[in-house]
Amino acid sequence: MDRSDHFYRHHTHAPSGTAQRLWFAVLATGWYLCAPHYRVYRKSLAGYLLGFCVSGTGHASVHGKSVDVRPGHLFFFDLQQEHEYASDERDRWEFLWVHFTGAAAADYYHLLKAEENPLFRLDRPESAEVLFRQLLDLFGAPPSGLEPLSHALITRILTLLVADQMRVGSVQTARSTVRYPDPVRQGIGYMEENYQAPLQLPDVARQATLSPFHYARLFKRSTGIPVMEYLLRFRLSRAKYLLDSSDLSIREVAEQSGFTDQSYFGKVFKKYERMTPSEFRARATKG
């Protein structure tokens, strides 16, 4: 799809339960060539974003830090944090990206210390660009085995980053990664598989055989957000993909995203996205 000032390819994907349990699960992937006025702001969104700058200049703010994204840069964002990225006012920005989830994503993020600096540059950035383009092409004509194949490509991108950082001494050993405790990982997997159900804190805590009180404390200490806040953000991320990629009514989007009340869905959506679901859909349709 294209406009005179904005060209893009964009594929969304609803990962299977198997992909969410075992692999890096792709939610969307794309290529954008953006006009200077391009801008995205979000308070939060479930998952992580890996991207590669092909040309032009982008400006991003995440974890309270501002960075300039230039050709050859790879960027790694935790989308659960408030974030913003935009084209330079005088320069069209071209980049490839993949939005994904997975239990090991947080481990790689902490291992690479992306919360301190989300930008990376390899000795041979063209190697990463090839992998991003293969990933995009994969979803353009989905083959049998799409999910394990896309997991393998994301793993190769992350492996390039880790190997490069180990070479320069930024990462000394994979043992230095900060891992979520197993009960937290179990709870995240359970919520992402069952987000359409009317889950409550006791349901999630039960998966880890902990009391709701102790599980809530462990989850907040490990992730920085409450259990039900994580579930809410994940539901909103699914709602946005349904708004963007389907013709479902707003009521149907709410129901399929785990919201039983359309009015509540609208209020929560506007609080986090600063627009109504209808406004979000209209903007997405315009590209």
Protein backbone atom coordinates (compact mmCIF):
# COMPACT_ATOMS: atom_id res chain seq x y z
CA MET A 1 0.00 0.00 0.00
CA ASP A 2 1.13 3.53 -0.56
CA ARG A 3 0.35 7.23 -0.55
CA SER A 4 2.32 9.92 -2.31
CA ASP A 5 4.26 10.63 0.89
CA HIS A 6 4.19 7.27 2.66
CA PHE A 7 4.98 3.82 1.25
CA TYR A 8 4.73 0.63 3.25
CA ARG A 9 4.27 -3.13 3.43
CA HIS A 10 2.67 -4.34 6.63
CA HIS A 11 1.63 -7.86 7.65
CA THR A 12 -0.18 -8.71 10.90
CA HIS A 13 -0.34 -12.17 12.44
CA ALA A 14 -2.30 -13.85 15.23
CA PRO A 15 0.19 -16.35 16.74
CA SER A 16 -0.95 -19.80 17.75
CA GLY A 17 -0.82 -21.05 21.32
CA THR A 18 2.15 -23.22 20.38
CA ALA A 19 4.08 -20.22 19.05
CA GLN A 20 3.32 -18.22 22.19
CA ARG A 21 4.54 -21.06 24.42
CA LEU A 22 7.65 -22.16 22.53
CA TRP A 23 8.95 -19.46 20.19
CA PHE A 24 9.29 -15.80 19.40
CA ALA A 25 5.74 -15.10 18.23
CA VAL A 26 5.37 -12.45 15.53
CA LEU A 27 2.45 -10.03 15.92
CA ALA A 28 3.35 -7.89 12.90
CA THR A 29 6.20 -7.09 10.58
CA GLY A 30 6.72 -4.42 7.96
CA TRP A 31 8.73 -2.03 5.81
CA TYR A 32 8.05 1.71 5.99
CA LEU A 33 9.30 4.63 3.90
CA CYS A 34 7.88 7.58 5.81
CA ALA A 35 7.42 11.25 5.11
CA PRO A 36 9.07 13.73 7.49
CA HIS A 37 5.83 14.19 9.46
CA TYR A 38 5.54 10.46 10.39
CA ARG A 39 5.15 9.96 14.16
CA VAL A 40 4.01 7.18 16.50
CA TYR A 41 3.33 7.66 20.22
CA ARG A 42 2.10 4.99 22.62
CA LYS A 43 1.77 4.82 26.36
CA SER A 44 2.29 1.07 26.20
CA LEU A 45 1.88 -2.00 24.01
CA ALA A 46 2.58 -5.64 24.78
CA GLY A 47 5.76 -7.08 23.28
CA TYR A 48 9.03 -5.87 21.77
CA LEU A 49 10.08 -4.13 18.57
CA LEU A 50 13.20 -4.95 16.58
CA GLY A 51 14.00 -2.68 13.66
CA PHE A 52 16.66 -1.84 11.10
CA CYS A 53 17.19 1.63 9.62
CA VAL A 54 17.75 1.39 5.85
CA SER A 55 18.00 5.10 5.07
CA GLY A 56 17.11 8.53 6.39
CA THR A 57 16.93 9.48 10.05
CA GLY A 58 14.48 8.65 12.80
CA HIS A 59 14.18 9.98 16.32
CA ALA A 60 13.01 7.77 19.18
CA SER A 61 12.30 8.14 22.86
CA VAL A 62 12.01 5.11 25.14
CA HIS A 63 12.89 4.53 28.80
CA GLY A 64 13.08 8.32 29.07
CA LYS A 65 16.06 8.40 26.69
CA SER A 66 16.13 10.08 23.28
CA VAL A 67 18.17 8.57 20.43
CA ASP A 68 18.76 9.27 16.74
CA VAL A 69 18.30 6.25 14.47
CA ARG A 70 20.56 6.39 11.41
CA PRO A 71 21.28 4.05 8.46
CA GLY A 72 22.72 0.73 9.61
CA HIS A 73 21.35 1.06 13.14
CA LEU A 74 19.36 -1.76 14.70
CA PHE A 75 16.95 -0.77 17.44
CA PHE A 76 15.35 -2.88 20.17
CA PHE A 77 12.41 -1.36 22.09
CA ASP A 78 10.39 -2.68 25.02
CA LEU A 79 6.95 -1.49 23.92
CA GLN A 80 5.52 -1.93 27.40
CA GLN A 81 7.34 1.31 28.24
CA GLU A 82 6.02 4.68 27.11
CA HIS A 83 7.63 5.27 23.72
CA GLU A 84 7.65 7.50 20.67
CA TYR A 85 9.42 7.43 17.32
CA ALA A 86 9.26 9.75 14.32
CA SER A 87 10.94 10.75 11.08
CA ASP A 88 13.38 13.60 10.97
CA GLU A 89 11.66 16.82 9.86
CA ARG A 90 13.92 17.08 6.81
CA ASP A 91 14.60 13.46 5.98
CA ARG A 92 12.39 10.56 4.82
CA TRP A 93 12.93 7.57 7.07
CA GLU A 94 13.07 4.00 5.72
CA PHE A 95 13.11 1.09 8.14
CA LEU A 96 12.24 -2.60 8.49
CA TRP A 97 10.68 -3.90 11.71
CA VAL A 98 9.11 -6.81 13.54
CA HIS A 99 6.81 -6.67 16.58
CA PHE A 100 6.94 -9.89 18.60
CA THR A 101 6.46 -11.53 21.98
CA GLY A 102 8.05 -14.55 23.64
CA ALA A 103 9.26 -15.57 27.07
CA ALA A 104 12.91 -15.19 26.04
CA ALA A 105 12.43 -11.71 24.57
CA ALA A 106 12.87 -10.03 27.95
CA ASP A 107 15.99 -12.10 28.56
CA TYR A 108 17.61 -10.89 25.34
CA TYR A 109 16.51 -7.34 26.05
CA HIS A 110 18.23 -7.32 29.44
CA LEU A 111 21.24 -9.24 28.19
CA LEU A 112 21.83 -6.61 25.52
CA LYS A 113 21.21 -3.82 28.06
CA ALA A 114 18.76 -2.28 25.62
CA GLU A 115 17.09 -0.37 28.45
CA GLU A 116 20.34 1.63 28.70
CA ASN A 117 20.92 2.01 24.95
CA PRO A 118 18.39 0.61 22.45
CA LEU A 119 20.61 1.27 19.40
CA PHE A 120 23.11 -1.20 17.95
CA ARG A 121 25.37 -1.25 14.89
CA LEU A 122 27.02 -4.39 13.56
CA ASP A 123 30.30 -4.60 11.67
CA ARG A 124 28.25 -5.89 8.74
CA PRO A 125 24.77 -4.39 9.12
CA GLU A 126 23.79 -5.73 5.71
CA SER A 127 23.62 -9.21 7.30
CA ALA A 128 20.84 -8.04 9.60
CA GLU A 129 19.03 -6.23 6.77
CA VAL A 130 18.88 -9.47 4.78
CA LEU A 131 17.28 -11.27 7.74
CA PHE A 132 14.68 -8.53 8.21
CA ARG A 133 13.78 -8.67 4.50
CA GLN A 134 13.51 -12.47 4.63
CA LEU A 135 11.18 -12.14 7.59
CA LEU A 136 8.99 -9.63 5.74
CA ASP A 137 8.87 -11.82 2.62
CA LEU A 138 7.97 -14.83 4.75
CA PHE A 139 4.72 -13.19 5.88
CA GLY A 140 3.99 -11.85 2.40
CA ALA A 141 3.47 -15.40 1.13
CA PRO A 142 3.16 -17.50 4.31
CA PRO A 143 4.63 -20.99 3.84
CA SER A 144 3.98 -24.13 5.81
CA GLY A 145 5.93 -23.83 9.05
CA LEU A 146 5.62 -20.03 9.11
CA GLU A 147 5.89 -19.70 12.89
CA PRO A 148 9.02 -21.80 13.53
CA LEU A 149 10.68 -20.23 10.49
CA SER A 150 9.97 -16.68 11.70
CA HIS A 151 11.21 -17.67 15.18
CA ALA A 152 14.46 -18.85 13.61
CA LEU A 153 14.96 -15.55 11.75
CA ILE A 154 14.36 -13.45 14.88
CA THR A 155 16.74 -15.72 16.79
CA ARG A 156 19.41 -15.14 14.12
CA ILE A 157 18.99 -11.36 14.36
CA LEU A 158 19.29 -11.45 18.14
CA THR A 159 22.24 -13.82 17.93
CA LEU A 160 24.06 -11.36 15.63
CA LEU A 161 23.46 -8.61 18.19
CA VAL A 162 24.65 -10.69 21.15
CA ALA A 163 27.75 -11.97 19.34
CA ASP A 164 28.68 -8.43 18.28
CA GLN A 165 28.22 -7.06 21.79
CA MET A 166 30.23 -9.90 23.29
CA ARG A 167 33.04 -9.08 20.86
CA VAL A 168 33.22 -5.46 22.05
CA GLY A 169 32.79 -6.45 25.69
CA SER A 170 29.33 -4.96 26.26
CA VAL A 171 28.02 -8.45 27.01
CA GLN A 172 30.42 -10.77 28.83
CA THR A 173 28.39 -13.94 29.10
CA ALA A 174 24.86 -15.14 28.54
CA ARG A 175 24.69 -15.85 32.28
CA SER A 176 24.52 -12.14 32.93
CA THR A 177 20.97 -11.91 31.55
CA VAL A 178 18.20 -10.97 33.95
CA ARG A 179 15.57 -13.66 33.65
CA TYR A 180 12.01 -13.51 34.89
CA PRO A 181 11.40 -16.14 37.59
CA ASP A 182 9.65 -19.26 36.33
CA PRO A 183 6.33 -18.39 38.06
CA VAL A 184 6.27 -15.04 36.26
CA ARG A 185 7.05 -16.61 32.89
CA GLN A 186 4.33 -19.21 33.49
CA GLY A 187 1.82 -16.50 34.30
CA ILE A 188 2.70 -14.45 31.22
CA GLY A 189 2.33 -17.50 28.98
CA TYR A 190 -1.01 -18.36 30.58
CA MET A 191 -2.38 -14.84 30.12
CA GLU A 192 -1.24 -14.58 26.51
CA GLU A 193 -2.86 -17.93 25.68
CA ASN A 194 -6.12 -17.24 27.53
CA TYR A 195 -6.56 -13.47 27.21
CA GLN A 196 -10.09 -13.89 25.79
CA ALA A 197 -11.25 -15.56 29.01
CA PRO A 198 -12.46 -13.53 32.05
CA LEU A 199 -9.16 -13.99 33.93
CA GLN A 200 -8.55 -12.66 37.42
CA LEU A 201 -5.40 -12.52 39.55
CA PRO A 202 -6.20 -15.82 41.40
CA ASP A 203 -6.48 -17.63 38.05
CA VAL A 204 -2.98 -16.52 37.04
CA ALA A 205 -1.45 -17.12 40.47
CA ARG A 206 -2.88 -20.64 40.49
CA GLN A 207 -0.67 -21.54 37.51
CA ALA A 208 2.38 -20.86 39.67
CA THR A 209 0.91 -22.51 42.79
CA LEU A 210 1.34 -19.25 44.72
CA SER A 211 -1.13 -17.19 46.66
CA PRO A 212 -2.50 -14.16 44.78
CA PHE A 213 -0.76 -11.83 47.26
CA HIS A 214 2.69 -13.40 46.87
CA TYR A 215 2.32 -13.81 43.12
CA ALA A 216 1.30 -10.17 42.65
CA ARG A 217 4.36 -9.00 44.60
CA LEU A 218 6.72 -11.26 42.63
CA PHE A 219 5.23 -10.22 39.27
CA LYS A 220 5.40 -6.49 40.01
CA ARG A 221 8.96 -6.76 41.34
CA SER A 222 10.07 -8.71 38.23
CA THR A 223 8.30 -6.82 35.45
CA GLY A 224 7.63 -3.40 36.92
CA ILE A 225 3.87 -3.58 36.31
CA PRO A 226 0.95 -5.35 38.07
CA VAL A 227 -0.36 -8.68 36.80
CA MET A 228 -3.70 -7.36 35.57
CA GLU A 229 -2.03 -4.34 33.96
CA TYR A 230 0.05 -6.73 31.84
CA LEU A 231 -3.11 -8.57 30.79
CA LEU A 232 -4.85 -5.29 29.94
CA ARG A 233 -1.95 -4.14 27.77
CA PHE A 234 -1.85 -7.46 25.93
CA ARG A 235 -5.60 -7.29 25.25
CA LEU A 236 -5.22 -3.78 23.88
CA SER A 237 -2.43 -4.91 21.57
CA ARG A 238 -4.69 -7.63 20.16
CA ALA A 239 -7.55 -5.14 19.78
CA LYS A 240 -5.36 -2.80 17.76
CA TYR A 241 -4.36 -5.55 15.37
CA LEU A 242 -7.99 -6.55 14.88
CA LEU A 243 -8.94 -2.93 14.23
CA ASP A 244 -6.11 -2.64 11.73
CA SER A 245 -6.47 -5.97 9.94
CA SER A 246 -10.15 -6.98 10.06
CA ASP A 247 -13.64 -5.68 9.29
CA LEU A 248 -15.02 -6.74 12.67
CA SER A 249 -17.29 -4.26 14.42
CA ILE A 250 -15.98 -2.42 17.48
CA ARG A 251 -18.16 -4.65 19.66
CA GLU A 252 -16.73 -7.79 18.05
CA VAL A 253 -13.16 -6.49 18.40
CA ALA A 254 -13.79 -5.84 22.09
CA GLU A 255 -15.21 -9.33 22.64
CA GLN A 256 -12.43 -11.12 20.74
CA SER A 257 -9.80 -9.16 22.66
CA GLY A 258 -11.14 -10.19 26.05
CA PHE A 259 -13.28 -7.15 26.90
CA THR A 260 -16.81 -8.11 27.88
CA ASP A 261 -18.08 -4.52 27.96
CA GLN A 262 -17.79 -2.35 24.84
CA SER A 263 -18.16 0.89 26.82
CA TYR A 264 -15.31 -0.08 29.15
CA PHE A 265 -13.19 -1.10 26.15
CA GLY A 266 -13.71 2.32 24.59
CA LYS A 267 -12.74 4.15 27.78
CA VAL A 268 -9.61 2.08 28.33
CA PHE A 269 -8.57 2.33 24.69
CA LYS A 270 -8.85 6.11 24.71
CA LYS A 271 -6.93 6.35 27.98
CA TYR A 272 -3.96 4.42 26.58
CA GLU A 273 -4.04 5.45 22.92
CA ARG A 274 -5.39 9.00 23.21
CA MET A 275 -8.04 8.24 20.59
CA THR A 276 -11.17 6.10 20.28
CA PRO A 277 -11.12 2.66 18.59
CA SER A 278 -12.98 4.18 15.62
CA GLU A 279 -10.43 6.98 15.29
CA PHE A 280 -7.59 4.44 15.47
CA ARG A 281 -9.18 2.36 12.70
CA ALA A 282 -9.74 5.42 10.52
CA ARG A 283 -6.11 6.51 10.91
CA ALA A 284 -4.83 2.99 10.16
CA THR A 285 -6.99 2.83 7.04
CA LYS A 286 -5.44 6.04 5.76
CA GLY A 287 -1.94 4.48 6.18
